[in-house]
Amino acid sequence: MPVSIREQVLAAVCTAVGGTYALDTPDDDRDLPLTAVQEEPESAEANYSSSNITMPVVIARAEATTSRAANQMRIQCNAIHAALIAEMAASTALGNLVDSVFYTTGFIQAEAGKYCLAQTTFTIQYHTVLGDPFTIEEPED
């Protein structure tokens, strides 16, 4: 069975950030660190012979706190946030699958003595042959 471009994109994002798709929230901090990837509703537009797809992808990473001090937790959370953005920017996993990837929103959160969390949302744009989600439309020469 062929693999859709959409699935290839999500798998590439998981590879880029070392994440797991749609991971449940951990029950305790022994499950940390973890990185979860989940897409949000996508939109598509037809353009002659292609479908141009825009898919928001949410990436969340949680780590055990290294300090109970508020400033140190903020620093740790922001480091996680920055790492996610840098990992997506540096990734070669998305290769020729996508037209663009850009960071759109994010936030951080911490619970003293438990975890530091950063969540990012990226907008990923890609295209397929109109009516064929398994094939990337190649430009005509």
C-alpha atoms as a PDB file:
ATOM      1  CA  MET A   1       0.000   0.000   0.000  1.00  0.00           C
ATOM      2  CA  PRO A   2       1.447   3.394  -0.939  1.00  0.00           C
ATOM      3  CA  VAL A   3       2.116   5.950   1.778  1.00  0.00           C
ATOM      4  CA  SER A   4       0.409   9.339   1.392  1.00  0.00           C
ATOM      5  CA  ILE A   5       2.499  12.502   1.228  1.00  0.00           C
ATOM      6  CA  ARG A   6       0.672  13.698   4.355  1.00  0.00           C
ATOM      7  CA  GLU A   7       1.843  10.629   6.310  1.00  0.00           C
ATOM      8  CA  GLN A   8       5.373  11.052   4.956  1.00  0.00           C
ATOM      9  CA  VAL A   9       5.374  14.685   6.156  1.00  0.00           C
ATOM     10  CA  LEU A  10       4.178  13.744   9.663  1.00  0.00           C
ATOM     11  CA  ALA A  11       6.745  10.930   9.878  1.00  0.00           C
ATOM     12  CA  ALA A  12       9.476  13.363   8.785  1.00  0.00           C
ATOM     13  CA  VAL A  13       8.445  15.856  11.486  1.00  0.00           C
ATOM     14  CA  CYS A  14       8.613  13.083  14.111  1.00  0.00           C
ATOM     15  CA  THR A  15      12.096  12.221  12.857  1.00  0.00           C
ATOM     16  CA  ALA A  16      13.197  15.880  12.845  1.00  0.00           C
ATOM     17  CA  VAL A  17      12.353  16.399  16.529  1.00  0.00           C
ATOM     18  CA  GLY A  18      12.789  12.842  17.815  1.00  0.00           C
ATOM     19  CA  GLY A  19       9.084  12.740  18.613  1.00  0.00           C
ATOM     20  CA  THR A  20       6.215  10.320  18.711  1.00  0.00           C
ATOM     21  CA  TYR A  21       2.904  11.007  17.003  1.00  0.00           C
ATOM     22  CA  ALA A  22      -0.032  11.868  19.326  1.00  0.00           C
ATOM     23  CA  LEU A  23       1.612  10.666  22.496  1.00  0.00           C
ATOM     24  CA  ASP A  24      -0.598  10.721  25.581  1.00  0.00           C
ATOM     25  CA  THR A  25       0.234  13.016  28.471  1.00  0.00           C
ATOM     26  CA  PRO A  26       2.627  11.199  30.804  1.00  0.00           C
ATOM     27  CA  ASP A  27       1.290   9.913  34.110  1.00  0.00           C
ATOM     28  CA  ASP A  28       4.416  10.827  36.032  1.00  0.00           C
ATOM     29  CA  ASP A  29       7.794  12.440  35.549  1.00  0.00           C
ATOM     30  CA  ARG A  30       9.540   9.094  35.117  1.00  0.00           C
ATOM     31  CA  ASP A  31       8.107   9.165  31.564  1.00  0.00           C
ATOM     32  CA  LEU A  32      10.129  12.304  30.793  1.00  0.00           C
ATOM     33  CA  PRO A  33      11.619  13.525  28.557  1.00  0.00           C
ATOM     34  CA  LEU A  34       9.082  13.177  25.771  1.00  0.00           C
ATOM     35  CA  THR A  35       8.273  14.902  22.520  1.00  0.00           C
ATOM     36  CA  ALA A  36       4.796  14.628  20.989  1.00  0.00           C
ATOM     37  CA  VAL A  37       3.690  15.555  17.472  1.00  0.00           C
ATOM     38  CA  GLN A  38       0.065  16.157  16.453  1.00  0.00           C
ATOM     39  CA  GLU A  39      -1.419  17.846  13.418  1.00  0.00           C
ATOM     40  CA  GLU A  40      -4.338  20.260  13.495  1.00  0.00           C
ATOM     41  CA  PRO A  41      -7.023  20.563  10.795  1.00  0.00           C
ATOM     42  CA  GLU A  42      -5.459  21.290   7.440  1.00  0.00           C
ATOM     43  CA  SER A  43      -6.736  23.325   4.529  1.00  0.00           C
ATOM     44  CA  ALA A  44      -6.278  22.785   0.810  1.00  0.00           C
ATOM     45  CA  GLU A  45      -6.724  24.776  -2.355  1.00  0.00           C
ATOM     46  CA  ALA A  46      -6.875  23.466  -5.900  1.00  0.00           C
ATOM     47  CA  ASN A  47      -4.473  25.083  -8.323  1.00  0.00           C
ATOM     48  CA  TYR A  48      -4.793  23.712 -11.863  1.00  0.00           C
ATOM     49  CA  SER A  49      -3.401  20.206 -11.460  1.00  0.00           C
ATOM     50  CA  SER A  50      -2.293  20.359  -7.824  1.00  0.00           C
ATOM     51  CA  SER A  51      -3.673  20.476  -4.307  1.00  0.00           C
ATOM     52  CA  ASN A  52      -1.809  23.038  -2.209  1.00  0.00           C
ATOM     53  CA  ILE A  53      -2.109  21.928   1.400  1.00  0.00           C
ATOM     54  CA  THR A  54      -1.458  23.926   4.573  1.00  0.00           C
ATOM     55  CA  MET A  55      -1.160  21.811   7.719  1.00  0.00           C
ATOM     56  CA  PRO A  56      -0.480  23.175  11.205  1.00  0.00           C
ATOM     57  CA  VAL A  57       1.607  20.758  13.260  1.00  0.00           C
ATOM     58  CA  VAL A  58       1.900  21.065  17.038  1.00  0.00           C
ATOM     59  CA  ILE A  59       5.054  19.809  18.727  1.00  0.00           C
ATOM     60  CA  ALA A  60       5.270  19.622  22.512  1.00  0.00           C
ATOM     61  CA  ARG A  61       8.289  18.615  24.542  1.00  0.00           C
ATOM     62  CA  ALA A  62       8.409  18.064  28.299  1.00  0.00           C
ATOM     63  CA  GLU A  63      11.450  17.472  30.458  1.00  0.00           C
ATOM     64  CA  ALA A  64      11.939  17.017  34.170  1.00  0.00           C
ATOM     65  CA  THR A  65      12.845  20.299  35.840  1.00  0.00           C
ATOM     66  CA  THR A  66      16.448  20.833  36.777  1.00  0.00           C
ATOM     67  CA  SER A  67      15.591  23.470  39.393  1.00  0.00           C
ATOM     68  CA  ARG A  68      12.674  24.637  41.516  1.00  0.00           C
ATOM     69  CA  ALA A  69      13.627  28.314  41.052  1.00  0.00           C
ATOM     70  CA  ALA A  70      11.142  30.159  38.815  1.00  0.00           C
ATOM     71  CA  ASN A  71      13.836  31.911  36.757  1.00  0.00           C
ATOM     72  CA  GLN A  72      15.699  28.666  36.146  1.00  0.00           C
ATOM     73  CA  MET A  73      12.501  26.864  35.107  1.00  0.00           C
ATOM     74  CA  ARG A  74      11.690  29.704  32.676  1.00  0.00           C
ATOM     75  CA  ILE A  75      15.198  29.468  31.227  1.00  0.00           C
ATOM     76  CA  GLN A  76      14.867  25.695  30.863  1.00  0.00           C
ATOM     77  CA  CYS A  77      11.428  25.975  29.210  1.00  0.00           C
ATOM     78  CA  ASN A  78      12.664  28.612  26.779  1.00  0.00           C
ATOM     79  CA  ALA A  79      15.678  26.436  25.933  1.00  0.00           C
ATOM     80  CA  ILE A  80      13.303  23.583  25.055  1.00  0.00           C
ATOM     81  CA  HIS A  81      11.200  25.972  22.964  1.00  0.00           C
ATOM     82  CA  ALA A  82      14.247  27.261  21.089  1.00  0.00           C
ATOM     83  CA  ALA A  83      15.542  23.711  20.535  1.00  0.00           C
ATOM     84  CA  LEU A  84      12.290  22.664  18.844  1.00  0.00           C
ATOM     85  CA  ILE A  85      12.464  25.620  16.465  1.00  0.00           C
ATOM     86  CA  ALA A  86      16.141  24.956  15.712  1.00  0.00           C
ATOM     87  CA  GLU A  87      15.561  21.220  15.146  1.00  0.00           C
ATOM     88  CA  MET A  88      12.795  21.905  12.635  1.00  0.00           C
ATOM     89  CA  ALA A  89      14.905  24.536  10.854  1.00  0.00           C
ATOM     90  CA  ALA A  90      17.920  22.221  10.635  1.00  0.00           C
ATOM     91  CA  SER A  91      16.001  19.128   9.590  1.00  0.00           C
ATOM     92  CA  THR A  92      16.763  17.418   6.332  1.00  0.00           C
ATOM     93  CA  ALA A  93      14.022  14.857   7.058  1.00  0.00           C
ATOM     94  CA  LEU A  94      11.386  17.014   5.342  1.00  0.00           C
ATOM     95  CA  GLY A  95      13.566  17.165   2.238  1.00  0.00           C
ATOM     96  CA  ASN A  96      11.643  17.504  -0.982  1.00  0.00           C
ATOM     97  CA  LEU A  97       8.310  16.685   0.666  1.00  0.00           C
ATOM     98  CA  VAL A  98       7.334  20.237   1.615  1.00  0.00           C
ATOM     99  CA  ASP A  99       7.269  23.676   0.067  1.00  0.00           C
ATOM    100  CA  SER A 100       7.755  25.530   3.342  1.00  0.00           C
ATOM    101  CA  VAL A 101       7.842  25.178   7.120  1.00  0.00           C
ATOM    102  CA  PHE A 102       7.559  28.099   9.463  1.00  0.00           C
ATOM    103  CA  TYR A 103       7.047  28.625  13.170  1.00  0.00           C
ATOM    104  CA  THR A 104       3.714  30.306  13.937  1.00  0.00           C
ATOM    105  CA  THR A 105       2.947  30.083  17.681  1.00  0.00           C
ATOM    106  CA  GLY A 106       4.166  28.620  20.933  1.00  0.00           C
ATOM    107  CA  PHE A 107       4.214  28.810  24.694  1.00  0.00           C
ATOM    108  CA  ILE A 108       6.023  27.485  27.743  1.00  0.00           C
ATOM    109  CA  GLN A 109       4.753  26.095  31.035  1.00  0.00           C
ATOM    110  CA  ALA A 110       6.363  24.648  34.145  1.00  0.00           C
ATOM    111  CA  GLU A 111       5.362  22.961  37.351  1.00  0.00           C
ATOM    112  CA  ALA A 112       7.943  23.345  40.101  1.00  0.00           C
ATOM    113  CA  GLY A 113       9.824  20.170  40.835  1.00  0.00           C
ATOM    114  CA  LYS A 114       8.045  18.266  38.066  1.00  0.00           C
ATOM    115  CA  TYR A 115       8.357  19.387  34.457  1.00  0.00           C
ATOM    116  CA  CYS A 116       9.218  22.098  31.993  1.00  0.00           C
ATOM    117  CA  LEU A 117       7.157  22.120  28.814  1.00  0.00           C
ATOM    118  CA  ALA A 118       7.360  23.974  25.528  1.00  0.00           C
ATOM    119  CA  GLN A 119       4.772  23.780  22.791  1.00  0.00           C
ATOM    120  CA  THR A 120       5.316  25.045  19.261  1.00  0.00           C
ATOM    121  CA  THR A 121       3.102  25.172  16.204  1.00  0.00           C
ATOM    122  CA  PHE A 122       4.535  25.098  12.713  1.00  0.00           C
ATOM    123  CA  THR A 123       2.678  25.707   9.482  1.00  0.00           C
ATOM    124  CA  ILE A 124       3.740  23.220   6.851  1.00  0.00           C
ATOM    125  CA  GLN A 125       2.845  23.739   3.215  1.00  0.00           C
ATOM    126  CA  TYR A 126       3.090  20.981   0.643  1.00  0.00           C
ATOM    127  CA  HIS A 127       1.388  19.975  -2.575  1.00  0.00           C
ATOM    128  CA  THR A 128       0.204  16.849  -4.316  1.00  0.00           C
ATOM    129  CA  VAL A 129      -1.265  16.004  -7.681  1.00  0.00           C
ATOM    130  CA  LEU A 130      -4.917  17.064  -7.650  1.00  0.00           C
ATOM    131  CA  GLY A 131      -6.951  14.060  -6.484  1.00  0.00           C
ATOM    132  CA  ASP A 132      -3.825  11.968  -5.808  1.00  0.00           C
ATOM    133  CA  PRO A 133      -2.594  12.287  -2.193  1.00  0.00           C
ATOM    134  CA  PHE A 134       0.241   9.831  -2.899  1.00  0.00           C
ATOM    135  CA  THR A 135       2.117  11.866  -5.532  1.00  0.00           C
ATOM    136  CA  ILE A 136       3.932  15.180  -5.375  1.00  0.00           C
ATOM    137  CA  GLU A 137       3.208  17.252  -8.435  1.00  0.00           C
ATOM    138  CA  GLU A 138       6.452  17.884 -10.268  1.00  0.00           C
ATOM    139  CA  PRO A 139       6.861  21.169 -12.138  1.00  0.00           C
ATOM    140  CA  GLU A 140       6.633  20.995 -15.910  1.00  0.00           C
ATOM    141  CA  ASP A 141       9.821  21.680 -17.845  1.00  0.00           C
END
